[in-house]
Amino acid sequence: MLDRGRIPLRFVLIALGALLALWLLRRALAPFFVAMVLAYLLAPPVNRLARWLGRPWGVVAVMLGLVAMMATLLMVLGPWLMDQGAHLGASLPRWRQALDDRILPWLQAHPTWQLRLDQALDGLDPALFLRGLRATGGGVLGCFLDLLALILVPLILYFLLLEGPGLVDRLRDLTPPRYRERLDRMVAAIHQRLGGYIRGQAAVAAAMGVLQGLAFATLGVPYAWLLGLVAGLSNVVPYSPYFTALPPALVLAYLDGGSRGHLLAIAAVFMVVQKAEGFYFTPVWVGRASRLHPLEVLLALTAFGFWFGVLGLIFAVPLAVVLKVVLEEVLLDYKAHPWFSEAP
């Protein structure tokens, strides 16, 4: 007699094969992940416009609005970024001279450290660096595939926005009827938490870029707004601005003649702004939606970063949101099992 509570072995093997395929194709699926994030951001305006224009025209209108916004942003930021890059390139000899003036006397007073630095520089192999770039996809084929993935994102985004509700319905039809209520509950929870997280994280990144840029500019850090932009964009990966924005700010301020007290002030103000993000912006704008504990975020960053590299760091928290919803359902089953509830 068929056991209704047991999944047939062939279905289990198919599911395991699908998970293995996802693992092997994780890099190829990157544009799908990016398109899914954009779809969550754009779904609310599409749903509103669909009531008046119909879904196809609503999707087209929103995507045209996105293209116009990106083009405007590029027109505004593009010349500024090019000017900043050109100014930075022209300043490199001055920074090199400042580095020699401030570091060489200290190295001469500490010959052991100078010997270590010379040995480290002698050990650098440019050929090995180039081979590493090719191994990580920096070759012609890798660049072509990355460009293709970038081109695919708008196309995938269009179909996700157009057919997203239908895809969920088809998924629901593949679920046994006795589990559909649970699936609806899980999908609703994932949709609510994930959408709130993505929209909240975008708002936090924008706010942190402005606040850190303002803080750097107030303290006289060179390229303050450029570093603020780096801090805001890297805030997508939790805690990463401490490594992407603070060290360059300290180095540039030091080479610009900053004193030890000035450097301490920069580090202190930077950490105060980051604490404001940790104590207010992320808990209020993001944390309530994702319902993730900071330790769960750190675990997700470590695990997915180890498995998927940089892409895993970017998508660690959204994936953790999905896994937490699934684990909450598993815990409900565990607590409802007689082994858990029956007295000894």
C-alpha atoms as a PDB file:
ATOM      1  CA  MET A   1       0.000   0.000   0.000  1.00  0.00           C
ATOM      2  CA  LEU A   2       1.307   3.497  -0.878  1.00  0.00           C
ATOM      3  CA  ASP A   3       2.527   5.508   2.101  1.00  0.00           C
ATOM      4  CA  ARG A   4       1.103   8.999   1.574  1.00  0.00           C
ATOM      5  CA  GLY A   5       3.573  10.505   4.032  1.00  0.00           C
ATOM      6  CA  ARG A   6       6.651   9.261   2.201  1.00  0.00           C
ATOM      7  CA  ILE A   7       8.044  10.868  -0.960  1.00  0.00           C
ATOM      8  CA  PRO A   8       8.837   8.322  -3.710  1.00  0.00           C
ATOM      9  CA  LEU A   9      12.558   7.698  -4.116  1.00  0.00           C
ATOM     10  CA  ARG A  10      12.622   8.837  -7.754  1.00  0.00           C
ATOM     11  CA  PHE A  11      11.255  12.254  -6.767  1.00  0.00           C
ATOM     12  CA  VAL A  12      13.926  12.579  -4.071  1.00  0.00           C
ATOM     13  CA  LEU A  13      16.622  11.735  -6.619  1.00  0.00           C
ATOM     14  CA  ILE A  14      15.216  14.289  -9.063  1.00  0.00           C
ATOM     15  CA  ALA A  15      15.227  16.967  -6.352  1.00  0.00           C
ATOM     16  CA  LEU A  16      18.819  16.120  -5.390  1.00  0.00           C
ATOM     17  CA  GLY A  17      19.797  16.269  -9.067  1.00  0.00           C
ATOM     18  CA  ALA A  18      18.188  19.694  -9.365  1.00  0.00           C
ATOM     19  CA  LEU A  19      20.118  20.949  -6.313  1.00  0.00           C
ATOM     20  CA  LEU A  20      23.356  19.566  -7.763  1.00  0.00           C
ATOM     21  CA  ALA A  21      22.614  21.330 -11.069  1.00  0.00           C
ATOM     22  CA  LEU A  22      22.040  24.594  -9.200  1.00  0.00           C
ATOM     23  CA  TRP A  23      25.400  24.161  -7.493  1.00  0.00           C
ATOM     24  CA  LEU A  24      27.286  23.392 -10.704  1.00  0.00           C
ATOM     25  CA  LEU A  25      25.586  26.239 -12.597  1.00  0.00           C
ATOM     26  CA  ARG A  26      25.795  28.790  -9.785  1.00  0.00           C
ATOM     27  CA  ARG A  27      27.872  31.238 -11.822  1.00  0.00           C
ATOM     28  CA  ALA A  28      25.631  30.936 -14.879  1.00  0.00           C
ATOM     29  CA  LEU A  29      22.605  31.633 -12.669  1.00  0.00           C
ATOM     30  CA  ALA A  30      24.034  34.963 -11.470  1.00  0.00           C
ATOM     31  CA  PRO A  31      21.920  37.070 -13.917  1.00  0.00           C
ATOM     32  CA  PHE A  32      18.797  35.250 -12.674  1.00  0.00           C
ATOM     33  CA  PHE A  33      19.619  36.208  -9.075  1.00  0.00           C
ATOM     34  CA  VAL A  34      20.223  39.836 -10.078  1.00  0.00           C
ATOM     35  CA  ALA A  35      16.983  39.914 -12.067  1.00  0.00           C
ATOM     36  CA  MET A  36      15.068  38.432  -9.120  1.00  0.00           C
ATOM     37  CA  VAL A  37      16.350  41.194  -6.834  1.00  0.00           C
ATOM     38  CA  LEU A  38      15.316  43.857  -9.344  1.00  0.00           C
ATOM     39  CA  ALA A  39      11.946  42.149  -9.783  1.00  0.00           C
ATOM     40  CA  TYR A  40      11.285  42.451  -6.045  1.00  0.00           C
ATOM     41  CA  LEU A  41      12.146  46.143  -6.187  1.00  0.00           C
ATOM     42  CA  LEU A  42       9.961  46.822  -9.227  1.00  0.00           C
ATOM     43  CA  ALA A  43       7.010  44.539  -8.480  1.00  0.00           C
ATOM     44  CA  PRO A  44       4.987  47.109  -6.430  1.00  0.00           C
ATOM     45  CA  PRO A  45       4.886  49.812  -9.169  1.00  0.00           C
ATOM     46  CA  VAL A  46       4.184  47.134 -11.803  1.00  0.00           C
ATOM     47  CA  ASN A  47       1.220  45.853  -9.779  1.00  0.00           C
ATOM     48  CA  ARG A  48      -0.172  49.372  -9.429  1.00  0.00           C
ATOM     49  CA  LEU A  49       0.182  50.212 -13.120  1.00  0.00           C
ATOM     50  CA  ALA A  50      -1.214  46.824 -14.136  1.00  0.00           C
ATOM     51  CA  ARG A  51      -4.617  47.871 -12.762  1.00  0.00           C
ATOM     52  CA  TRP A  52      -4.780  50.738 -15.249  1.00  0.00           C
ATOM     53  CA  LEU A  53      -2.686  49.640 -18.237  1.00  0.00           C
ATOM     54  CA  GLY A  54      -2.692  45.868 -18.003  1.00  0.00           C
ATOM     55  CA  ARG A  55       0.323  43.877 -16.884  1.00  0.00           C
ATOM     56  CA  PRO A  56       2.327  43.851 -20.168  1.00  0.00           C
ATOM     57  CA  TRP A  57       2.133  47.627 -20.604  1.00  0.00           C
ATOM     58  CA  GLY A  58       2.713  48.135 -16.880  1.00  0.00           C
ATOM     59  CA  VAL A  59       5.936  46.115 -17.102  1.00  0.00           C
ATOM     60  CA  VAL A  60       7.066  48.050 -20.188  1.00  0.00           C
ATOM     61  CA  ALA A  61       6.321  51.398 -18.507  1.00  0.00           C
ATOM     62  CA  VAL A  62       8.242  50.491 -15.340  1.00  0.00           C
ATOM     63  CA  MET A  63      11.236  49.154 -17.255  1.00  0.00           C
ATOM     64  CA  LEU A  64      11.335  52.268 -19.446  1.00  0.00           C
ATOM     65  CA  GLY A  65      11.223  54.332 -16.265  1.00  0.00           C
ATOM     66  CA  LEU A  66      14.112  52.272 -14.859  1.00  0.00           C
ATOM     67  CA  VAL A  67      16.152  52.795 -18.036  1.00  0.00           C
ATOM     68  CA  ALA A  68      15.458  56.536 -17.942  1.00  0.00           C
ATOM     69  CA  MET A  69      16.453  56.728 -14.278  1.00  0.00           C
ATOM     70  CA  MET A  70      19.672  54.766 -14.895  1.00  0.00           C
ATOM     71  CA  ALA A  71      20.516  56.928 -17.916  1.00  0.00           C
ATOM     72  CA  THR A  72      19.950  60.096 -15.878  1.00  0.00           C
ATOM     73  CA  LEU A  73      22.063  58.739 -13.034  1.00  0.00           C
ATOM     74  CA  LEU A  74      24.811  57.816 -15.484  1.00  0.00           C
ATOM     75  CA  MET A  75      24.703  61.263 -17.078  1.00  0.00           C
ATOM     76  CA  VAL A  76      24.977  62.895 -13.649  1.00  0.00           C
ATOM     77  CA  LEU A  77      27.516  60.552 -12.045  1.00  0.00           C
ATOM     78  CA  GLY A  78      29.458  59.519 -15.160  1.00  0.00           C
ATOM     79  CA  PRO A  79      31.346  62.789 -15.745  1.00  0.00           C
ATOM     80  CA  TRP A  80      31.932  63.184 -12.010  1.00  0.00           C
ATOM     81  CA  LEU A  81      33.345  59.661 -11.691  1.00  0.00           C
ATOM     82  CA  MET A  82      35.564  60.182 -14.742  1.00  0.00           C
ATOM     83  CA  ASP A  83      36.798  63.475 -13.297  1.00  0.00           C
ATOM     84  CA  GLN A  84      37.498  61.816  -9.952  1.00  0.00           C
ATOM     85  CA  GLY A  85      39.364  58.984 -11.677  1.00  0.00           C
ATOM     86  CA  ALA A  86      41.436  61.387 -13.774  1.00  0.00           C
ATOM     87  CA  HIS A  87      42.207  63.515 -10.711  1.00  0.00           C
ATOM     88  CA  LEU A  88      43.209  60.427  -8.758  1.00  0.00           C
ATOM     89  CA  GLY A  89      45.481  59.239 -11.564  1.00  0.00           C
ATOM     90  CA  ALA A  90      47.128  62.660 -11.792  1.00  0.00           C
ATOM     91  CA  SER A  91      47.638  62.671  -8.014  1.00  0.00           C
ATOM     92  CA  LEU A  92      49.419  59.317  -7.864  1.00  0.00           C
ATOM     93  CA  PRO A  93      52.963  60.792  -8.134  1.00  0.00           C
ATOM     94  CA  ARG A  94      52.166  63.198  -5.309  1.00  0.00           C
ATOM     95  CA  TRP A  95      50.762  60.379  -3.171  1.00  0.00           C
ATOM     96  CA  ARG A  96      53.857  58.286  -3.935  1.00  0.00           C
ATOM     97  CA  GLN A  97      56.123  61.122  -2.863  1.00  0.00           C
ATOM     98  CA  ALA A  98      54.073  61.650   0.295  1.00  0.00           C
ATOM     99  CA  LEU A  99      54.296  57.923   1.014  1.00  0.00           C
ATOM    100  CA  ASP A 100      58.085  58.011   0.620  1.00  0.00           C
ATOM    101  CA  ASP A 101      58.383  61.099   2.827  1.00  0.00           C
ATOM    102  CA  ARG A 102      56.316  59.605   5.636  1.00  0.00           C
ATOM    103  CA  ILE A 103      57.167  55.900   5.467  1.00  0.00           C
ATOM    104  CA  LEU A 104      60.840  55.808   4.466  1.00  0.00           C
ATOM    105  CA  PRO A 105      62.143  57.503   7.641  1.00  0.00           C
ATOM    106  CA  TRP A 106      60.236  54.993   9.757  1.00  0.00           C
ATOM    107  CA  LEU A 107      61.526  52.064   7.679  1.00  0.00           C
ATOM    108  CA  GLN A 108      65.081  53.353   7.951  1.00  0.00           C
ATOM    109  CA  ALA A 109      64.679  53.448  11.707  1.00  0.00           C
ATOM    110  CA  HIS A 110      63.304  49.868  11.656  1.00  0.00           C
ATOM    111  CA  PRO A 111      65.519  47.887   9.245  1.00  0.00           C
ATOM    112  CA  THR A 112      63.805  44.596  10.102  1.00  0.00           C
ATOM    113  CA  TRP A 113      60.484  45.811   8.719  1.00  0.00           C
ATOM    114  CA  GLN A 114      62.219  47.260   5.658  1.00  0.00           C
ATOM    115  CA  LEU A 115      63.807  43.867   4.968  1.00  0.00           C
ATOM    116  CA  ARG A 116      60.419  42.150   5.268  1.00  0.00           C
ATOM    117  CA  LEU A 117      58.827  44.668   2.918  1.00  0.00           C
ATOM    118  CA  ASP A 118      61.598  44.222   0.351  1.00  0.00           C
ATOM    119  CA  GLN A 119      61.220  40.437   0.536  1.00  0.00           C
ATOM    120  CA  ALA A 120      57.449  40.708   0.061  1.00  0.00           C
ATOM    121  CA  LEU A 121      57.852  42.971  -2.967  1.00  0.00           C
ATOM    122  CA  ASP A 122      60.503  40.701  -4.472  1.00  0.00           C
ATOM    123  CA  GLY A 123      58.154  37.737  -4.059  1.00  0.00           C
ATOM    124  CA  LEU A 124      55.414  39.299  -6.189  1.00  0.00           C
ATOM    125  CA  ASP A 125      55.119  37.510  -9.541  1.00  0.00           C
ATOM    126  CA  PRO A 126      53.139  39.466 -12.182  1.00  0.00           C
ATOM    127  CA  ALA A 127      52.794  36.334 -14.326  1.00  0.00           C
ATOM    128  CA  LEU A 128      51.215  34.504 -11.398  1.00  0.00           C
ATOM    129  CA  PHE A 129      48.799  37.398 -10.905  1.00  0.00           C
ATOM    130  CA  LEU A 130      47.760  37.278 -14.571  1.00  0.00           C
ATOM    131  CA  ARG A 131      47.264  33.530 -14.385  1.00  0.00           C
ATOM    132  CA  GLY A 132      45.056  34.045 -11.354  1.00  0.00           C
ATOM    133  CA  LEU A 133      42.966  36.563 -13.274  1.00  0.00           C
ATOM    134  CA  ARG A 134      42.489  34.112 -16.103  1.00  0.00           C
ATOM    135  CA  ALA A 135      41.579  31.348 -13.641  1.00  0.00           C
ATOM    136  CA  THR A 136      38.866  33.528 -12.090  1.00  0.00           C
ATOM    137  CA  GLY A 137      37.315  34.394 -15.430  1.00  0.00           C
ATOM    138  CA  GLY A 138      39.427  37.405 -16.300  1.00  0.00           C
ATOM    139  CA  GLY A 139      40.242  36.032 -19.777  1.00  0.00           C
ATOM    140  CA  VAL A 140      38.489  36.815 -23.036  1.00  0.00           C
ATOM    141  CA  LEU A 141      35.950  34.026 -22.623  1.00  0.00           C
ATOM    142  CA  GLY A 142      35.199  35.070 -19.042  1.00  0.00           C
ATOM    143  CA  CYS A 143      34.681  38.700 -20.076  1.00  0.00           C
ATOM    144  CA  PHE A 144      32.391  37.609 -22.905  1.00  0.00           C
ATOM    145  CA  LEU A 145      30.304  35.465 -20.557  1.00  0.00           C
ATOM    146  CA  ASP A 146      30.079  38.289 -18.021  1.00  0.00           C
ATOM    147  CA  LEU A 147      28.942  40.692 -20.757  1.00  0.00           C
ATOM    148  CA  LEU A 148      26.370  38.162 -21.949  1.00  0.00           C
ATOM    149  CA  ALA A 149      25.073  37.753 -18.397  1.00  0.00           C
ATOM    150  CA  LEU A 150      24.754  41.549 -18.099  1.00  0.00           C
ATOM    151  CA  ILE A 151      22.757  41.688 -21.332  1.00  0.00           C
ATOM    152  CA  LEU A 152      20.496  38.855 -20.154  1.00  0.00           C
ATOM    153  CA  VAL A 153      19.465  40.627 -16.931  1.00  0.00           C
ATOM    154  CA  PRO A 154      16.892  43.017 -18.549  1.00  0.00           C
ATOM    155  CA  LEU A 155      15.398  40.169 -20.588  1.00  0.00           C
ATOM    156  CA  ILE A 156      15.075  37.904 -17.560  1.00  0.00           C
ATOM    157  CA  LEU A 157      13.704  40.817 -15.532  1.00  0.00           C
ATOM    158  CA  TYR A 158      11.014  41.468 -18.145  1.00  0.00           C
ATOM    159  CA  PHE A 159       9.741  37.874 -18.064  1.00  0.00           C
ATOM    160  CA  LEU A 160       9.887  37.713 -14.266  1.00  0.00           C
ATOM    161  CA  LEU A 161       7.792  40.867 -13.945  1.00  0.00           C
ATOM    162  CA  LEU A 162       5.392  39.746 -16.668  1.00  0.00           C
ATOM    163  CA  GLU A 163       4.955  36.101 -15.685  1.00  0.00           C
ATOM    164  CA  GLY A 164       6.021  36.090 -12.041  1.00  0.00           C
ATOM    165  CA  PRO A 165       2.536  35.474 -10.583  1.00  0.00           C
ATOM    166  CA  GLY A 166       1.927  32.737 -13.161  1.00  0.00           C
ATOM    167  CA  LEU A 167       5.215  31.047 -12.278  1.00  0.00           C
ATOM    168  CA  VAL A 168       4.195  30.913  -8.624  1.00  0.00           C
ATOM    169  CA  ASP A 169       0.814  29.449  -9.591  1.00  0.00           C
ATOM    170  CA  ARG A 170       2.486  26.761 -11.720  1.00  0.00           C
ATOM    171  CA  LEU A 171       4.763  25.896  -8.849  1.00  0.00           C
ATOM    172  CA  ARG A 172       1.747  25.610  -6.614  1.00  0.00           C
ATOM    173  CA  ASP A 173       0.065  23.205  -9.084  1.00  0.00           C
ATOM    174  CA  LEU A 174       3.072  20.868  -8.798  1.00  0.00           C
ATOM    175  CA  THR A 175       2.622  20.669  -5.029  1.00  0.00           C
ATOM    176  CA  PRO A 176       0.420  17.897  -3.606  1.00  0.00           C
ATOM    177  CA  PRO A 177      -2.945  19.423  -2.579  1.00  0.00           C
ATOM    178  CA  ARG A 178      -2.476  18.447   1.071  1.00  0.00           C
ATOM    179  CA  TYR A 179       0.678  20.640   1.238  1.00  0.00           C
ATOM    180  CA  ARG A 180      -0.595  23.661  -0.686  1.00  0.00           C
ATOM    181  CA  GLU A 181      -1.770  25.531   2.382  1.00  0.00           C
ATOM    182  CA  ARG A 182       1.701  25.218   3.873  1.00  0.00           C
ATOM    183  CA  LEU A 183       3.317  26.256   0.586  1.00  0.00           C
ATOM    184  CA  ASP A 184       1.082  29.339   0.409  1.00  0.00           C
ATOM    185  CA  ARG A 185       2.100  30.274   3.925  1.00  0.00           C
ATOM    186  CA  MET A 186       5.803  29.818   3.172  1.00  0.00           C
ATOM    187  CA  VAL A 187       5.664  31.725  -0.127  1.00  0.00           C
ATOM    188  CA  ALA A 188       3.804  34.596   1.524  1.00  0.00           C
ATOM    189  CA  ALA A 189       6.369  34.760   4.355  1.00  0.00           C
ATOM    190  CA  ILE A 190       9.328  34.631   1.943  1.00  0.00           C
ATOM    191  CA  HIS A 191       7.760  37.259  -0.303  1.00  0.00           C
ATOM    192  CA  GLN A 192       7.061  39.613   2.578  1.00  0.00           C
ATOM    193  CA  ARG A 193      10.460  39.255   4.253  1.00  0.00           C
ATOM    194  CA  LEU A 194      12.538  39.191   1.081  1.00  0.00           C
ATOM    195  CA  GLY A 195      10.775  42.138  -0.524  1.00  0.00           C
ATOM    196  CA  GLY A 196      11.069  44.166   2.665  1.00  0.00           C
ATOM    197  CA  TYR A 197      14.734  43.268   3.019  1.00  0.00           C
ATOM    198  CA  ILE A 198      15.686  44.200  -0.550  1.00  0.00           C
ATOM    199  CA  ARG A 199      13.807  47.497  -0.546  1.00  0.00           C
ATOM    200  CA  GLY A 200      15.079  48.344   2.942  1.00  0.00           C
ATOM    201  CA  GLN A 201      18.660  47.455   2.039  1.00  0.00           C
ATOM    202  CA  ALA A 202      18.559  49.704  -1.022  1.00  0.00           C
ATOM    203  CA  ALA A 203      17.344  52.589   1.156  1.00  0.00           C
ATOM    204  CA  VAL A 204      20.025  51.893   3.776  1.00  0.00           C
ATOM    205  CA  ALA A 205      22.769  51.820   1.114  1.00  0.00           C
ATOM    206  CA  ALA A 206      21.646  55.207  -0.230  1.00  0.00           C
ATOM    207  CA  ALA A 207      21.445  56.734   3.253  1.00  0.00           C
ATOM    208  CA  MET A 208      24.853  55.369   4.272  1.00  0.00           C
ATOM    209  CA  GLY A 209      26.469  56.651   1.081  1.00  0.00           C
ATOM    210  CA  VAL A 210      25.213  60.171   1.790  1.00  0.00           C
ATOM    211  CA  LEU A 211      26.071  60.081   5.525  1.00  0.00           C
ATOM    212  CA  GLN A 212      29.568  58.655   5.080  1.00  0.00           C
ATOM    213  CA  GLY A 213      30.308  61.042   2.218  1.00  0.00           C
ATOM    214  CA  LEU A 214      29.161  63.974   4.354  1.00  0.00           C
ATOM    215  CA  ALA A 215      31.248  62.748   7.301  1.00  0.00           C
ATOM    216  CA  PHE A 216      34.377  62.334   5.161  1.00  0.00           C
ATOM    217  CA  ALA A 217      33.865  65.753   3.538  1.00  0.00           C
ATOM    218  CA  THR A 218      33.412  67.415   6.935  1.00  0.00           C
ATOM    219  CA  LEU A 219      36.668  65.860   8.180  1.00  0.00           C
ATOM    220  CA  GLY A 220      38.583  66.878   5.067  1.00  0.00           C
ATOM    221  CA  VAL A 221      39.244  63.386   3.693  1.00  0.00           C
ATOM    222  CA  PRO A 222      40.385  63.480   0.035  1.00  0.00           C
ATOM    223  CA  TYR A 223      37.810  62.071  -2.416  1.00  0.00           C
ATOM    224  CA  ALA A 224      35.224  62.122   0.368  1.00  0.00           C
ATOM    225  CA  TRP A 225      32.108  61.634  -1.767  1.00  0.00           C
ATOM    226  CA  LEU A 226      33.766  58.916  -3.842  1.00  0.00           C
ATOM    227  CA  LEU A 227      34.579  57.035  -0.642  1.00  0.00           C
ATOM    228  CA  GLY A 228      31.030  57.659   0.556  1.00  0.00           C
ATOM    229  CA  LEU A 229      29.732  56.086  -2.651  1.00  0.00           C
ATOM    230  CA  VAL A 230      31.991  53.077  -2.055  1.00  0.00           C
ATOM    231  CA  ALA A 231      30.724  52.789   1.521  1.00  0.00           C
ATOM    232  CA  GLY A 232      27.086  52.951   0.407  1.00  0.00           C
ATOM    233  CA  LEU A 233      27.432  50.389  -2.383  1.00  0.00           C
ATOM    234  CA  SER A 234      29.489  47.974  -0.301  1.00  0.00           C
ATOM    235  CA  ASN A 235      26.935  48.217   2.504  1.00  0.00           C
ATOM    236  CA  VAL A 236      24.954  45.643   0.496  1.00  0.00           C
ATOM    237  CA  VAL A 237      27.358  43.140   2.090  1.00  0.00           C
ATOM    238  CA  PRO A 238      26.973  43.685   5.859  1.00  0.00           C
ATOM    239  CA  TYR A 239      30.075  44.964   7.708  1.00  0.00           C
ATOM    240  CA  SER A 240      32.100  45.283   4.473  1.00  0.00           C
ATOM    241  CA  PRO A 241      32.469  49.128   4.577  1.00  0.00           C
ATOM    242  CA  TYR A 242      34.988  48.611   7.402  1.00  0.00           C
ATOM    243  CA  PHE A 243      37.242  46.984   4.779  1.00  0.00           C
ATOM    244  CA  THR A 244      36.272  48.817   1.569  1.00  0.00           C
ATOM    245  CA  ALA A 245      35.893  52.441   2.694  1.00  0.00           C
ATOM    246  CA  LEU A 246      37.602  53.033   6.045  1.00  0.00           C
ATOM    247  CA  PRO A 247      41.154  51.841   5.170  1.00  0.00           C
ATOM    248  CA  PRO A 248      41.358  53.942   1.948  1.00  0.00           C
ATOM    249  CA  ALA A 249      40.045  56.969   3.861  1.00  0.00           C
ATOM    250  CA  LEU A 250      42.701  56.563   6.542  1.00  0.00           C
ATOM    251  CA  VAL A 251      45.495  56.046   4.011  1.00  0.00           C
ATOM    252  CA  LEU A 252      44.493  59.075   1.917  1.00  0.00           C
ATOM    253  CA  ALA A 253      44.102  61.268   4.995  1.00  0.00           C
ATOM    254  CA  TYR A 254      47.508  60.103   6.289  1.00  0.00           C
ATOM    255  CA  LEU A 255      49.239  60.813   2.976  1.00  0.00           C
ATOM    256  CA  ASP A 256      47.498  64.198   2.857  1.00  0.00           C
ATOM    257  CA  GLY A 257      49.317  65.130   6.056  1.00  0.00           C
ATOM    258  CA  GLY A 258      46.737  64.047   8.600  1.00  0.00           C
ATOM    259  CA  SER A 259      47.902  63.766  12.192  1.00  0.00           C
ATOM    260  CA  ARG A 260      47.301  60.804  14.447  1.00  0.00           C
ATOM    261  CA  GLY A 261      44.414  62.634  16.112  1.00  0.00           C
ATOM    262  CA  HIS A 262      42.878  63.392  12.730  1.00  0.00           C
ATOM    263  CA  LEU A 263      43.039  59.723  11.753  1.00  0.00           C
ATOM    264  CA  LEU A 264      41.472  58.700  15.052  1.00  0.00           C
ATOM    265  CA  ALA A 265      38.678  61.236  14.480  1.00  0.00           C
ATOM    266  CA  ILE A 266      38.018  59.807  10.999  1.00  0.00           C
ATOM    267  CA  ALA A 267      37.873  56.252  12.354  1.00  0.00           C
ATOM    268  CA  ALA A 268      35.650  57.298  15.260  1.00  0.00           C
ATOM    269  CA  VAL A 269      33.166  59.218  13.109  1.00  0.00           C
ATOM    270  CA  PHE A 270      33.084  56.393  10.565  1.00  0.00           C
ATOM    271  CA  MET A 271      32.264  53.875  13.294  1.00  0.00           C
ATOM    272  CA  VAL A 272      29.602  56.172  14.777  1.00  0.00           C
ATOM    273  CA  VAL A 273      27.874  56.392  11.394  1.00  0.00           C
ATOM    274  CA  GLN A 274      28.143  52.625  10.967  1.00  0.00           C
ATOM    275  CA  LYS A 275      26.703  52.145  14.458  1.00  0.00           C
ATOM    276  CA  ALA A 276      23.796  54.367  13.473  1.00  0.00           C
ATOM    277  CA  GLU A 277      23.247  51.971  10.583  1.00  0.00           C
ATOM    278  CA  GLY A 278      23.507  48.982  12.919  1.00  0.00           C
ATOM    279  CA  PHE A 279      21.288  50.371  15.687  1.00  0.00           C
ATOM    280  CA  TYR A 280      18.679  52.245  13.653  1.00  0.00           C
ATOM    281  CA  PHE A 281      18.672  52.015   9.849  1.00  0.00           C
ATOM    282  CA  THR A 282      19.138  48.271   9.444  1.00  0.00           C
ATOM    283  CA  PRO A 283      16.948  47.177  12.410  1.00  0.00           C
ATOM    284  CA  VAL A 284      14.106  49.560  11.467  1.00  0.00           C
ATOM    285  CA  TRP A 285      14.290  49.491   7.675  1.00  0.00           C
ATOM    286  CA  VAL A 286      15.613  45.962   7.137  1.00  0.00           C
ATOM    287  CA  GLY A 287      15.697  43.870  10.303  1.00  0.00           C
ATOM    288  CA  ARG A 288      11.976  43.909  10.992  1.00  0.00           C
ATOM    289  CA  ALA A 289      11.339  42.621   7.496  1.00  0.00           C
ATOM    290  CA  SER A 290      14.031  39.911   7.351  1.00  0.00           C
ATOM    291  CA  ARG A 291      13.706  38.829  11.022  1.00  0.00           C
ATOM    292  CA  LEU A 292      17.324  37.703  11.055  1.00  0.00           C
ATOM    293  CA  HIS A 293      19.539  37.864  14.135  1.00  0.00           C
ATOM    294  CA  PRO A 294      23.003  39.440  13.594  1.00  0.00           C
ATOM    295  CA  LEU A 295      24.598  36.052  14.343  1.00  0.00           C
ATOM    296  CA  GLU A 296      22.453  34.487  11.627  1.00  0.00           C
ATOM    297  CA  VAL A 297      23.644  37.189   9.217  1.00  0.00           C
ATOM    298  CA  LEU A 298      27.292  36.476  10.087  1.00  0.00           C
ATOM    299  CA  LEU A 299      26.762  32.739   9.654  1.00  0.00           C
ATOM    300  CA  ALA A 300      25.110  33.299   6.271  1.00  0.00           C
ATOM    301  CA  LEU A 301      27.958  35.564   5.119  1.00  0.00           C
ATOM    302  CA  THR A 302      30.569  33.019   6.161  1.00  0.00           C
ATOM    303  CA  ALA A 303      28.816  29.992   4.669  1.00  0.00           C
ATOM    304  CA  PHE A 304      27.602  31.451   1.375  1.00  0.00           C
ATOM    305  CA  GLY A 305      30.782  33.469   0.916  1.00  0.00           C
ATOM    306  CA  PHE A 306      32.824  30.278   1.280  1.00  0.00           C
ATOM    307  CA  TRP A 307      30.578  28.369  -1.161  1.00  0.00           C
ATOM    308  CA  PHE A 308      29.891  31.022  -3.809  1.00  0.00           C
ATOM    309  CA  GLY A 309      32.594  33.678  -3.377  1.00  0.00           C
ATOM    310  CA  VAL A 310      31.703  37.343  -3.894  1.00  0.00           C
ATOM    311  CA  LEU A 311      28.294  36.458  -5.326  1.00  0.00           C
ATOM    312  CA  GLY A 312      27.558  34.474  -2.173  1.00  0.00           C
ATOM    313  CA  LEU A 313      28.403  37.480   0.005  1.00  0.00           C
ATOM    314  CA  ILE A 314      25.995  39.681  -1.961  1.00  0.00           C
ATOM    315  CA  PHE A 315      23.096  37.207  -1.846  1.00  0.00           C
ATOM    316  CA  ALA A 316      23.872  35.660   1.558  1.00  0.00           C
ATOM    317  CA  VAL A 317      21.148  37.470   3.495  1.00  0.00           C
ATOM    318  CA  PRO A 318      18.326  36.922   0.935  1.00  0.00           C
ATOM    319  CA  LEU A 319      19.208  33.213   0.799  1.00  0.00           C
ATOM    320  CA  ALA A 320      19.288  33.114   4.590  1.00  0.00           C
ATOM    321  CA  VAL A 321      15.781  34.621   4.677  1.00  0.00           C
ATOM    322  CA  VAL A 322      14.493  31.791   2.455  1.00  0.00           C
ATOM    323  CA  LEU A 323      16.271  29.129   4.507  1.00  0.00           C
ATOM    324  CA  LYS A 324      14.953  30.537   7.779  1.00  0.00           C
ATOM    325  CA  VAL A 325      11.355  30.359   6.545  1.00  0.00           C
ATOM    326  CA  VAL A 326      11.913  26.731   5.519  1.00  0.00           C
ATOM    327  CA  LEU A 327      13.571  25.896   8.851  1.00  0.00           C
ATOM    328  CA  GLU A 328      10.692  27.483  10.762  1.00  0.00           C
ATOM    329  CA  GLU A 329       8.308  25.074   9.010  1.00  0.00           C
ATOM    330  CA  VAL A 330      10.621  22.140   9.790  1.00  0.00           C
ATOM    331  CA  LEU A 331      10.675  23.171  13.451  1.00  0.00           C
ATOM    332  CA  LEU A 332       6.871  23.224  13.509  1.00  0.00           C
ATOM    333  CA  ASP A 333       6.868  19.619  12.242  1.00  0.00           C
ATOM    334  CA  TYR A 334       9.493  18.667  14.806  1.00  0.00           C
ATOM    335  CA  LYS A 335       7.531  20.130  17.704  1.00  0.00           C
ATOM    336  CA  ALA A 336       4.316  18.508  16.471  1.00  0.00           C
ATOM    337  CA  HIS A 337       5.931  15.052  16.294  1.00  0.00           C
ATOM    338  CA  PRO A 338       4.970  12.597  19.068  1.00  0.00           C
ATOM    339  CA  TRP A 339       8.649  12.018  19.877  1.00  0.00           C
ATOM    340  CA  PHE A 340       8.862  15.684  20.954  1.00  0.00           C
ATOM    341  CA  SER A 341       5.518  16.098  22.692  1.00  0.00           C
ATOM    342  CA  GLU A 342       4.906  12.749  24.409  1.00  0.00           C
ATOM    343  CA  ALA A 343       5.926  12.339  28.015  1.00  0.00           C
ATOM    344  CA  PRO A 344       8.522   9.633  28.826  1.00  0.00           C
END
